[in-house]
All heavy atoms as atom14 arrays in JSON, in Angstrom:
{
  "sequence": "SHHSYTDQGGEESEDYESEEQLQQRILTAALEFVPAHGWTGDAIAE",
  "atom14_mask": [
    [1, 1, 1, 1, 1, 1, 0, 0, 0, 0, 0, 0, 0, 0],
    [1, 1, 1, 1, 1, 1, 1, 1, 1, 1, 0, 0, 0, 0],
    [1, 1, 1, 1, 1, 1, 1, 1, 1, 1, 0, 0, 0, 0],
    [1, 1, 1, 1, 1, 1, 0, 0, 0, 0, 0, 0, 0, 0],
    [1, 1, 1, 1, 1, 1, 1, 1, 1, 1, 1, 1, 0, 0],
    [1, 1, 1, 1, 1, 1, 1, 0, 0, 0, 0, 0, 0, 0],
    [1, 1, 1, 1, 1, 1, 1, 1, 0, 0, 0, 0, 0, 0],
    [1, 1, 1, 1, 1, 1, 1, 1, 1, 0, 0, 0, 0, 0],
    [1, 1, 1, 1, 0, 0, 0, 0, 0, 0, 0, 0, 0, 0],
    [1, 1, 1, 1, 0, 0, 0, 0, 0, 0, 0, 0, 0, 0],
    [1, 1, 1, 1, 1, 1, 1, 1, 1, 0, 0, 0, 0, 0],
    [1, 1, 1, 1, 1, 1, 1, 1, 1, 0, 0, 0, 0, 0],
    [1, 1, 1, 1, 1, 1, 0, 0, 0, 0, 0, 0, 0, 0],
    [1, 1, 1, 1, 1, 1, 1, 1, 1, 0, 0, 0, 0, 0],
    [1, 1, 1, 1, 1, 1, 1, 1, 0, 0, 0, 0, 0, 0],
    [1, 1, 1, 1, 1, 1, 1, 1, 1, 1, 1, 1, 0, 0],
    [1, 1, 1, 1, 1, 1, 1, 1, 1, 0, 0, 0, 0, 0],
    [1, 1, 1, 1, 1, 1, 0, 0, 0, 0, 0, 0, 0, 0],
    [1, 1, 1, 1, 1, 1, 1, 1, 1, 0, 0, 0, 0, 0],
    [1, 1, 1, 1, 1, 1, 1, 1, 1, 0, 0, 0, 0, 0],
    [1, 1, 1, 1, 1, 1, 1, 1, 1, 0, 0, 0, 0, 0],
    [1, 1, 1, 1, 1, 1, 1, 1, 0, 0, 0, 0, 0, 0],
    [1, 1, 1, 1, 1, 1, 1, 1, 1, 0, 0, 0, 0, 0],
    [1, 1, 1, 1, 1, 1, 1, 1, 1, 0, 0, 0, 0, 0],
    [1, 1, 1, 1, 1, 1, 1, 1, 1, 1, 1, 0, 0, 0],
    [1, 1, 1, 1, 1, 1, 1, 1, 0, 0, 0, 0, 0, 0],
    [1, 1, 1, 1, 1, 1, 1, 1, 0, 0, 0, 0, 0, 0],
    [1, 1, 1, 1, 1, 1, 1, 0, 0, 0, 0, 0, 0, 0],
    [1, 1, 1, 1, 1, 0, 0, 0, 0, 0, 0, 0, 0, 0],
    [1, 1, 1, 1, 1, 0, 0, 0, 0, 0, 0, 0, 0, 0],
    [1, 1, 1, 1, 1, 1, 1, 1, 0, 0, 0, 0, 0, 0],
    [1, 1, 1, 1, 1, 1, 1, 1, 1, 0, 0, 0, 0, 0],
    [1, 1, 1, 1, 1, 1, 1, 1, 1, 1, 1, 0, 0, 0],
    [1, 1, 1, 1, 1, 1, 1, 0, 0, 0, 0, 0, 0, 0],
    [1, 1, 1, 1, 1, 1, 1, 0, 0, 0, 0, 0, 0, 0],
    [1, 1, 1, 1, 1, 0, 0, 0, 0, 0, 0, 0, 0, 0],
    [1, 1, 1, 1, 1, 1, 1, 1, 1, 1, 0, 0, 0, 0],
    [1, 1, 1, 1, 0, 0, 0, 0, 0, 0, 0, 0, 0, 0],
    [1, 1, 1, 1, 1, 1, 1, 1, 1, 1, 1, 1, 1, 1],
    [1, 1, 1, 1, 1, 1, 1, 0, 0, 0, 0, 0, 0, 0],
    [1, 1, 1, 1, 0, 0, 0, 0, 0, 0, 0, 0, 0, 0],
    [1, 1, 1, 1, 1, 1, 1, 1, 0, 0, 0, 0, 0, 0],
    [1, 1, 1, 1, 1, 0, 0, 0, 0, 0, 0, 0, 0, 0],
    [1, 1, 1, 1, 1, 1, 1, 1, 0, 0, 0, 0, 0, 0],
    [1, 1, 1, 1, 1, 0, 0, 0, 0, 0, 0, 0, 0, 0],
    [1, 1, 1, 1, 1, 1, 1, 1, 1, 0, 0, 0, 0, 0]
  ],
  "atom14_positions": [
    [[-101.68, -54.67, -8.15], [-100.53, -53.87, -8.52], [-99.82, -54.48, -9.72], [-99.68, -55.69, -9.83], [-99.54, -53.79, -7.34], [-99.07, -55.07, -7.0], [0.0, 0.0, 0.0], [0.0, 0.0, 0.0], [0.0, 0.0, 0.0], [0.0, 0.0, 0.0], [0.0, 0.0, 0.0], [0.0, 0.0, 0.0], [0.0, 0.0, 0.0], [0.0, 0.0, 0.0]],
    [[-99.43, -53.61, -10.66], [-98.65, -54.08, -11.79], [-97.77, -52.94, -12.27], [-98.0, -51.77, -11.98], [-99.55, -54.57, -12.92], [-100.46, -53.51, -13.47], [-101.65, -53.2, -12.89], [-100.32, -52.7, -14.54], [-102.24, -52.24, -13.58], [-101.45, -51.92, -14.58], [0.0, 0.0, 0.0], [0.0, 0.0, 0.0], [0.0, 0.0, 0.0], [0.0, 0.0, 0.0]],
    [[-96.72, -53.31, -12.99], [-95.77, -52.32, -13.44], [-95.64, -52.41, -14.94], [-95.7, -53.48, -15.53], [-94.4, -52.55, -12.79], [-94.45, -52.61, -11.3], [-94.63, -51.51, -10.51], [-94.38, -53.68, -10.46], [-94.64, -51.88, -9.24], [-94.5, -53.18, -9.19], [0.0, 0.0, 0.0], [0.0, 0.0, 0.0], [0.0, 0.0, 0.0], [0.0, 0.0, 0.0]],
    [[-95.46, -51.26, -15.57], [-95.18, -51.21, -16.99], [-93.71, -50.91, -17.16], [-93.19, -49.97, -16.55], [-96.03, -50.13, -17.67], [-95.65, -49.99, -19.02], [0.0, 0.0, 0.0], [0.0, 0.0, 0.0], [0.0, 0.0, 0.0], [0.0, 0.0, 0.0], [0.0, 0.0, 0.0], [0.0, 0.0, 0.0], [0.0, 0.0, 0.0], [0.0, 0.0, 0.0]],
    [[-93.0, -51.72, -17.94], [-91.59, -51.47, -18.15], [-91.24, -51.75, -19.6], [-91.93, -52.46, -20.3], [-90.73, -52.33, -17.22], [-90.78, -53.8, -17.51], [-89.88, -54.38, -18.42], [-91.73, -54.61, -16.89], [-89.93, -55.73, -18.69], [-91.78, -55.96, -17.17], [-90.89, -56.52, -18.06], [-90.93, -57.85, -18.33], [0.0, 0.0, 0.0], [0.0, 0.0, 0.0]],
    [[-90.18, -51.16, -20.03], [-89.68, -51.36, -21.37], [-88.35, -52.06, -21.31], [-87.44, -51.61, -20.59], [-89.51, -50.01, -22.1], [-90.75, -49.31, -22.06], [-89.08, -50.24, -23.54], [0.0, 0.0, 0.0], [0.0, 0.0, 0.0], [0.0, 0.0, 0.0], [0.0, 0.0, 0.0], [0.0, 0.0, 0.0], [0.0, 0.0, 0.0], [0.0, 0.0, 0.0]],
    [[-88.21, -53.2, -22.0], [-86.95, -53.94, -21.92], [-85.89, -53.27, -22.78], [-86.12, -52.26, -23.43], [-87.16, -55.41, -22.33], [-87.6, -55.56, -23.77], [-87.39, -54.62, -24.55], [-88.15, -56.63, -24.1], [0.0, 0.0, 0.0], [0.0, 0.0, 0.0], [0.0, 0.0, 0.0], [0.0, 0.0, 0.0], [0.0, 0.0, 0.0], [0.0, 0.0, 0.0]],
    [[-84.69, -53.85, -22.77], [-83.58, -53.22, -23.45], [-83.75, -53.26, -24.96], [-83.05, -52.57, -25.69], [-82.27, -53.91, -23.04], [-81.97, -53.69, -21.56], [-80.73, -54.44, -21.13], [-80.26, -55.32, -21.83], [-80.19, -54.07, -19.99], [0.0, 0.0, 0.0], [0.0, 0.0, 0.0], [0.0, 0.0, 0.0], [0.0, 0.0, 0.0], [0.0, 0.0, 0.0]],
    [[-84.64, -54.07, -25.47], [-84.91, -54.1, -26.9], [-85.95, -53.08, -27.32], [-86.29, -52.97, -28.49], [0.0, 0.0, 0.0], [0.0, 0.0, 0.0], [0.0, 0.0, 0.0], [0.0, 0.0, 0.0], [0.0, 0.0, 0.0], [0.0, 0.0, 0.0], [0.0, 0.0, 0.0], [0.0, 0.0, 0.0], [0.0, 0.0, 0.0], [0.0, 0.0, 0.0]],
    [[-86.49, -52.33, -26.36], [-87.46, -51.3, -26.67], [-88.89, -51.77, -26.62], [-89.81, -51.02, -26.95], [0.0, 0.0, 0.0], [0.0, 0.0, 0.0], [0.0, 0.0, 0.0], [0.0, 0.0, 0.0], [0.0, 0.0, 0.0], [0.0, 0.0, 0.0], [0.0, 0.0, 0.0], [0.0, 0.0, 0.0], [0.0, 0.0, 0.0], [0.0, 0.0, 0.0]],
    [[-89.12, -53.03, -26.2], [-90.48, -53.56, -26.14], [-91.1, -53.25, -24.8], [-90.53, -53.52, -23.75], [-90.45, -55.08, -26.36], [-89.99, -55.48, -27.74], [-90.08, -56.98, -27.95], [-90.54, -57.67, -27.0], [-89.72, -57.46, -29.01], [0.0, 0.0, 0.0], [0.0, 0.0, 0.0], [0.0, 0.0, 0.0], [0.0, 0.0, 0.0], [0.0, 0.0, 0.0]],
    [[-92.3, -52.65, -24.84], [-93.01, -52.31, -23.62], [-94.05, -53.37, -23.34], [-94.76, -53.82, -24.23], [-93.67, -50.94, -23.75], [-94.36, -50.49, -22.47], [-94.93, -49.1, -22.59], [-94.62, -48.44, -23.61], [-95.67, -48.68, -21.7], [0.0, 0.0, 0.0], [0.0, 0.0, 0.0], [0.0, 0.0, 0.0], [0.0, 0.0, 0.0], [0.0, 0.0, 0.0]],
    [[-94.12, -53.8, -22.12], [-95.09, -54.83, -21.77], [-95.66, -54.56, -20.39], [-95.06, -53.85, -19.59], [-94.44, -56.22, -21.78], [-93.41, -56.28, -20.81], [0.0, 0.0, 0.0], [0.0, 0.0, 0.0], [0.0, 0.0, 0.0], [0.0, 0.0, 0.0], [0.0, 0.0, 0.0], [0.0, 0.0, 0.0], [0.0, 0.0, 0.0], [0.0, 0.0, 0.0]],
    [[-96.83, -55.11, -20.13], [-97.48, -54.97, -18.83], [-97.12, -56.19, -17.98], [-97.34, -57.32, -18.38], [-98.99, -54.89, -19.01], [-99.47, -53.65, -19.74], [-99.25, -52.39, -18.93], [-99.17, -52.5, -17.69], [-99.15, -51.31, -19.52], [0.0, 0.0, 0.0], [0.0, 0.0, 0.0], [0.0, 0.0, 0.0], [0.0, 0.0, 0.0], [0.0, 0.0, 0.0]],
    [[-96.55, -55.94, -16.82], [-96.1, -57.01, -15.93], [-97.06, -57.1, -14.75], [-97.14, -56.18, -13.95], [-94.68, -56.7, -15.45], [-94.18, -57.76, -14.5], [-94.79, -58.85, -14.48], [-93.2, -57.51, -13.78], [0.0, 0.0, 0.0], [0.0, 0.0, 0.0], [0.0, 0.0, 0.0], [0.0, 0.0, 0.0], [0.0, 0.0, 0.0], [0.0, 0.0, 0.0]],
    [[-97.8, -58.18, -14.67], [-98.8, -58.33, -13.62], [-98.31, -59.17, -12.46], [-99.07, -59.48, -11.55], [-100.08, -58.93, -14.19], [-100.87, -57.94, -15.0], [-100.68, -57.86, -16.37], [-101.77, -57.07, -14.39], [-101.39, -56.94, -17.12], [-102.48, -56.16, -15.14], [-102.28, -56.09, -16.5], [-102.98, -55.18, -17.24], [0.0, 0.0, 0.0], [0.0, 0.0, 0.0]],
    [[-97.07, -59.59, -12.46], [-96.56, -60.36, -11.34], [-96.31, -59.44, -10.16], [-96.09, -58.24, -10.33], [-95.28, -61.1, -11.74], [-94.13, -60.19, -12.07], [-92.93, -60.95, -12.59], [-92.95, -62.19, -12.51], [-91.99, -60.32, -13.08], [0.0, 0.0, 0.0], [0.0, 0.0, 0.0], [0.0, 0.0, 0.0], [0.0, 0.0, 0.0], [0.0, 0.0, 0.0]],
    [[-96.32, -60.0, -8.99], [-96.09, -59.21, -7.79], [-94.62, -58.82, -7.7], [-93.77, -59.38, -8.39], [-96.5, -60.01, -6.55], [-95.63, -61.11, -6.37], [0.0, 0.0, 0.0], [0.0, 0.0, 0.0], [0.0, 0.0, 0.0], [0.0, 0.0, 0.0], [0.0, 0.0, 0.0], [0.0, 0.0, 0.0], [0.0, 0.0, 0.0], [0.0, 0.0, 0.0]],
    [[-94.35, -57.89, -6.81], [-92.96, -57.47, -6.61], [-92.1, -58.65, -6.14], [-90.97, -58.82, -6.59], [-92.9, -56.34, -5.58], [-91.49, -55.87, -5.26], [-91.47, -54.89, -4.11], [-92.41, -54.06, -4.03], [-90.54, -54.97, -3.29], [0.0, 0.0, 0.0], [0.0, 0.0, 0.0], [0.0, 0.0, 0.0], [0.0, 0.0, 0.0], [0.0, 0.0, 0.0]],
    [[-92.66, -59.45, -5.24], [-91.9, -60.59, -4.73], [-91.61, -61.6, -5.84], [-90.52, -62.17, -5.9], [-92.65, -61.27, -3.59], [-91.89, -62.43, -2.96], [-92.61, -63.02, -1.77], [-93.68, -62.49, -1.41], [-92.1, -64.0, -1.19], [0.0, 0.0, 0.0], [0.0, 0.0, 0.0], [0.0, 0.0, 0.0], [0.0, 0.0, 0.0], [0.0, 0.0, 0.0]],
    [[-92.59, -61.84, -6.71], [-92.38, -62.77, -7.81], [-91.3, -62.25, -8.76], [-90.48, -63.03, -9.26], [-93.69, -62.99, -8.57], [-94.73, -63.78, -7.79], [-96.07, -63.83, -8.5], [-96.45, -62.9, -9.22], [-96.79, -64.92, -8.32], [0.0, 0.0, 0.0], [0.0, 0.0, 0.0], [0.0, 0.0, 0.0], [0.0, 0.0, 0.0], [0.0, 0.0, 0.0]],
    [[-91.31, -60.96, -9.0], [-90.27, -60.37, -9.85], [-88.9, -60.53, -9.22], [-87.93, -60.88, -9.9], [-90.57, -58.89, -10.08], [-89.5, -58.1, -10.87], [-89.33, -58.7, -12.26], [-89.89, -56.62, -10.95], [0.0, 0.0, 0.0], [0.0, 0.0, 0.0], [0.0, 0.0, 0.0], [0.0, 0.0, 0.0], [0.0, 0.0, 0.0], [0.0, 0.0, 0.0]],
    [[-88.82, -60.32, -7.93], [-87.55, -60.48, -7.24], [-87.05, -61.92, -7.31], [-85.85, -62.17, -7.5], [-87.69, -60.04, -5.77], [-87.85, -58.54, -5.61], [-88.06, -58.14, -4.16], [-88.65, -58.88, -3.38], [-87.58, -56.97, -3.79], [0.0, 0.0, 0.0], [0.0, 0.0, 0.0], [0.0, 0.0, 0.0], [0.0, 0.0, 0.0], [0.0, 0.0, 0.0]],
    [[-87.98, -62.87, -7.17], [-87.6, -64.28, -7.26], [-87.04, -64.6, -8.65], [-86.05, -65.34, -8.77], [-88.8, -65.18, -6.96], [-89.38, -65.04, -5.56], [-88.37, -65.33, -4.49], [-87.76, -66.4, -4.46], [-88.15, -64.37, -3.61], [0.0, 0.0, 0.0], [0.0, 0.0, 0.0], [0.0, 0.0, 0.0], [0.0, 0.0, 0.0], [0.0, 0.0, 0.0]],
    [[-87.64, -64.06, -9.68], [-87.16, -64.31, -11.04], [-85.77, -63.72, -11.24], [-84.9, -64.34, -11.86], [-88.13, -63.72, -12.06], [-89.41, -64.5, -12.23], [-90.02, -64.27, -13.61], [-90.27, -62.85, -13.88], [-89.81, -62.21, -14.95], [-89.07, -62.83, -15.83], [-90.11, -60.92, -15.13], [0.0, 0.0, 0.0], [0.0, 0.0, 0.0], [0.0, 0.0, 0.0]],
    [[-85.56, -62.54, -10.72], [-84.25, -61.89, -10.85], [-83.18, -62.69, -10.12], [-82.08, -62.94, -10.64], [-84.3, -60.45, -10.33], [-85.22, -59.59, -11.21], [-82.91, -59.84, -10.27], [-85.44, -58.18, -10.69], [0.0, 0.0, 0.0], [0.0, 0.0, 0.0], [0.0, 0.0, 0.0], [0.0, 0.0, 0.0], [0.0, 0.0, 0.0], [0.0, 0.0, 0.0]],
    [[-83.49, -63.13, -8.88], [-82.52, -63.88, -8.1], [-82.2, -65.22, -8.75], [-81.05, -65.66, -8.75], [-83.05, -64.09, -6.68], [-83.19, -62.83, -5.82], [-83.83, -63.15, -4.48], [-81.82, -62.17, -5.61], [0.0, 0.0, 0.0], [0.0, 0.0, 0.0], [0.0, 0.0, 0.0], [0.0, 0.0, 0.0], [0.0, 0.0, 0.0], [0.0, 0.0, 0.0]],
    [[-83.22, -65.88, -9.3], [-82.98, -67.16, -9.98], [-82.08, -66.96, -11.19], [-81.15, -67.75, -11.42], [-84.31, -67.8, -10.41], [-85.11, -68.06, -9.24], [-84.07, -69.11, -11.15], [0.0, 0.0, 0.0], [0.0, 0.0, 0.0], [0.0, 0.0, 0.0], [0.0, 0.0, 0.0], [0.0, 0.0, 0.0], [0.0, 0.0, 0.0], [0.0, 0.0, 0.0]],
    [[-82.34, -65.92, -11.95], [-81.51, -65.64, -13.12], [-80.09, -65.26, -12.72], [-79.13, -65.55, -13.44], [-82.14, -64.52, -13.95], [0.0, 0.0, 0.0], [0.0, 0.0, 0.0], [0.0, 0.0, 0.0], [0.0, 0.0, 0.0], [0.0, 0.0, 0.0], [0.0, 0.0, 0.0], [0.0, 0.0, 0.0], [0.0, 0.0, 0.0], [0.0, 0.0, 0.0]],
    [[-79.94, -64.63, -11.56], [-78.62, -64.17, -11.1], [-77.7, -65.32, -10.74], [-76.48, -65.17, -10.75], [-78.78, -63.24, -9.91], [0.0, 0.0, 0.0], [0.0, 0.0, 0.0], [0.0, 0.0, 0.0], [0.0, 0.0, 0.0], [0.0, 0.0, 0.0], [0.0, 0.0, 0.0], [0.0, 0.0, 0.0], [0.0, 0.0, 0.0], [0.0, 0.0, 0.0]],
    [[-78.26, -66.49, -10.38], [-77.43, -67.62, -9.97], [-76.45, -68.03, -11.06], [-75.35, -68.51, -10.78], [-78.31, -68.82, -9.59], [-79.16, -68.64, -8.32], [-80.06, -69.85, -8.12], [-78.25, -68.44, -7.11], [0.0, 0.0, 0.0], [0.0, 0.0, 0.0], [0.0, 0.0, 0.0], [0.0, 0.0, 0.0], [0.0, 0.0, 0.0], [0.0, 0.0, 0.0]],
    [[-76.83, -67.83, -12.31], [-75.95, -68.18, -13.43], [-74.66, -67.37, -13.43], [-73.62, -67.81, -13.93], [-76.7, -67.95, -14.75], [-75.87, -68.21, -15.99], [-76.62, -67.88, -17.27], [-77.86, -67.62, -17.2], [-75.98, -67.87, -18.34], [0.0, 0.0, 0.0], [0.0, 0.0, 0.0], [0.0, 0.0, 0.0], [0.0, 0.0, 0.0], [0.0, 0.0, 0.0]],
    [[-74.7, -66.19, -12.82], [-73.56, -65.29, -12.85], [-72.75, -65.3, -11.56], [-71.78, -64.56, -11.44], [-74.05, -63.86, -13.15], [-74.82, -63.76, -14.43], [-76.22, -63.82, -14.43], [-74.18, -63.65, -15.65], [-76.95, -63.75, -15.61], [-74.9, -63.58, -16.83], [-76.28, -63.63, -16.82], [0.0, 0.0, 0.0], [0.0, 0.0, 0.0], [0.0, 0.0, 0.0]],
    [[-73.14, -66.13, -10.59], [-72.42, -66.21, -9.33], [-70.99, -66.72, -9.51], [-70.05, -66.18, -8.9], [-73.18, -67.09, -8.32], [-72.31, -67.42, -7.1], [-74.46, -66.38, -7.87], [0.0, 0.0, 0.0], [0.0, 0.0, 0.0], [0.0, 0.0, 0.0], [0.0, 0.0, 0.0], [0.0, 0.0, 0.0], [0.0, 0.0, 0.0], [0.0, 0.0, 0.0]],
    [[-70.75, -67.77, -10.32], [-69.36, -68.22, -10.49], [-68.41, -67.13, -10.97], [-67.23, -67.14, -10.63], [-69.49, -69.34, -11.54], [-70.87, -69.87, -11.35], [-71.7, -68.66, -11.03], [0.0, 0.0, 0.0], [0.0, 0.0, 0.0], [0.0, 0.0, 0.0], [0.0, 0.0, 0.0], [0.0, 0.0, 0.0], [0.0, 0.0, 0.0], [0.0, 0.0, 0.0]],
    [[-68.92, -66.17, -11.74], [-68.07, -65.11, -12.26], [-68.02, -63.89, -11.34], [-66.96, -63.25, -11.2], [-68.54, -64.68, -13.65], [0.0, 0.0, 0.0], [0.0, 0.0, 0.0], [0.0, 0.0, 0.0], [0.0, 0.0, 0.0], [0.0, 0.0, 0.0], [0.0, 0.0, 0.0], [0.0, 0.0, 0.0], [0.0, 0.0, 0.0], [0.0, 0.0, 0.0]],
    [[-69.14, -63.55, -10.72], [-69.23, -62.31, -9.93], [-69.35, -62.55, -8.43], [-69.32, -61.58, -7.66], [-70.42, -61.48, -10.41], [-70.32, -61.04, -11.84], [-69.55, -59.97, -12.24], [-70.87, -61.55, -12.98], [-69.65, -59.81, -13.57], [-70.44, -60.76, -14.03], [0.0, 0.0, 0.0], [0.0, 0.0, 0.0], [0.0, 0.0, 0.0], [0.0, 0.0, 0.0]],
    [[-69.51, -63.79, -8.01], [-69.71, -64.06, -6.59], [-71.11, -63.72, -6.14], [-71.98, -63.38, -6.96], [0.0, 0.0, 0.0], [0.0, 0.0, 0.0], [0.0, 0.0, 0.0], [0.0, 0.0, 0.0], [0.0, 0.0, 0.0], [0.0, 0.0, 0.0], [0.0, 0.0, 0.0], [0.0, 0.0, 0.0], [0.0, 0.0, 0.0], [0.0, 0.0, 0.0]],
    [[-71.33, -63.79, -4.83], [-72.65, -63.49, -4.27], [-72.73, -62.0, -4.02], [-72.66, -61.52, -2.89], [-72.86, -64.29, -2.99], [-72.69, -65.76, -3.19], [-71.54, -66.49, -3.02], [-73.68, -66.69, -3.63], [-71.77, -67.81, -3.33], [-73.07, -67.97, -3.71], [-75.04, -66.58, -3.98], [-73.76, -69.11, -4.1], [-75.73, -67.71, -4.37], [-75.1, -68.96, -4.42]],
    [[-72.89, -61.25, -5.1], [-72.8, -59.8, -5.05], [-73.95, -59.14, -5.8], [-74.72, -59.8, -6.51], [-71.48, -59.33, -5.68], [-71.47, -59.69, -7.07], [-70.28, -59.95, -4.97], [0.0, 0.0, 0.0], [0.0, 0.0, 0.0], [0.0, 0.0, 0.0], [0.0, 0.0, 0.0], [0.0, 0.0, 0.0], [0.0, 0.0, 0.0], [0.0, 0.0, 0.0]],
    [[-74.01, -57.83, -5.66], [-74.99, -57.06, -6.41], [-74.73, -57.1, -7.9], [-75.66, -56.95, -8.71], [0.0, 0.0, 0.0], [0.0, 0.0, 0.0], [0.0, 0.0, 0.0], [0.0, 0.0, 0.0], [0.0, 0.0, 0.0], [0.0, 0.0, 0.0], [0.0, 0.0, 0.0], [0.0, 0.0, 0.0], [0.0, 0.0, 0.0], [0.0, 0.0, 0.0]],
    [[-73.47, -57.3, -8.29], [-73.15, -57.39, -9.71], [-73.82, -58.6, -10.35], [-74.31, -58.53, -11.48], [-71.63, -57.49, -9.9], [-70.92, -56.19, -9.55], [-71.59, -55.13, -9.56], [-69.71, -56.23, -9.27], [0.0, 0.0, 0.0], [0.0, 0.0, 0.0], [0.0, 0.0, 0.0], [0.0, 0.0, 0.0], [0.0, 0.0, 0.0], [0.0, 0.0, 0.0]],
    [[-73.83, -59.73, -9.62], [-74.5, -60.93, -10.14], [-75.99, -60.68, -10.29], [-76.61, -61.11, -11.27], [-74.24, -62.11, -9.22], [0.0, 0.0, 0.0], [0.0, 0.0, 0.0], [0.0, 0.0, 0.0], [0.0, 0.0, 0.0], [0.0, 0.0, 0.0], [0.0, 0.0, 0.0], [0.0, 0.0, 0.0], [0.0, 0.0, 0.0], [0.0, 0.0, 0.0]],
    [[-76.57, -59.97, -9.32], [-78.01, -59.66, -9.39], [-78.29, -58.74, -10.56], [-79.28, -58.91, -11.29], [-78.48, -59.03, -8.07], [-78.31, -60.02, -6.91], [-79.94, -58.6, -8.18], [-78.68, -59.46, -5.56], [0.0, 0.0, 0.0], [0.0, 0.0, 0.0], [0.0, 0.0, 0.0], [0.0, 0.0, 0.0], [0.0, 0.0, 0.0], [0.0, 0.0, 0.0]],
    [[-77.43, -57.75, -10.78], [-77.61, -56.84, -11.9], [-77.53, -57.59, -13.23], [-78.32, -57.32, -14.15], [-76.54, -55.74, -11.86], [0.0, 0.0, 0.0], [0.0, 0.0, 0.0], [0.0, 0.0, 0.0], [0.0, 0.0, 0.0], [0.0, 0.0, 0.0], [0.0, 0.0, 0.0], [0.0, 0.0, 0.0], [0.0, 0.0, 0.0], [0.0, 0.0, 0.0]],
    [[-76.62, -58.55, -13.32], [-76.5, -59.35, -14.54], [-77.76, -60.21, -14.73], [-78.21, -60.44, -15.85], [-75.26, -60.23, -14.47], [-73.95, -59.48, -14.57], [-73.78, -58.78, -15.91], [-74.26, -59.31, -16.93], [-73.19, -57.69, -15.94], [0.0, 0.0, 0.0], [0.0, 0.0, 0.0], [0.0, 0.0, 0.0], [0.0, 0.0, 0.0], [0.0, 0.0, 0.0]]
  ]
}
């Protein structure tokens, strides 16, 4: 399974990581925004 997505800069790329790996990357990146947004969906969105 893989997903094709286009980032906010308009670049399209093929993502071969699993859904769980993608979620882990998002959650890790979200930790930077916890001090400002708390443990919320807003931090995950950021």
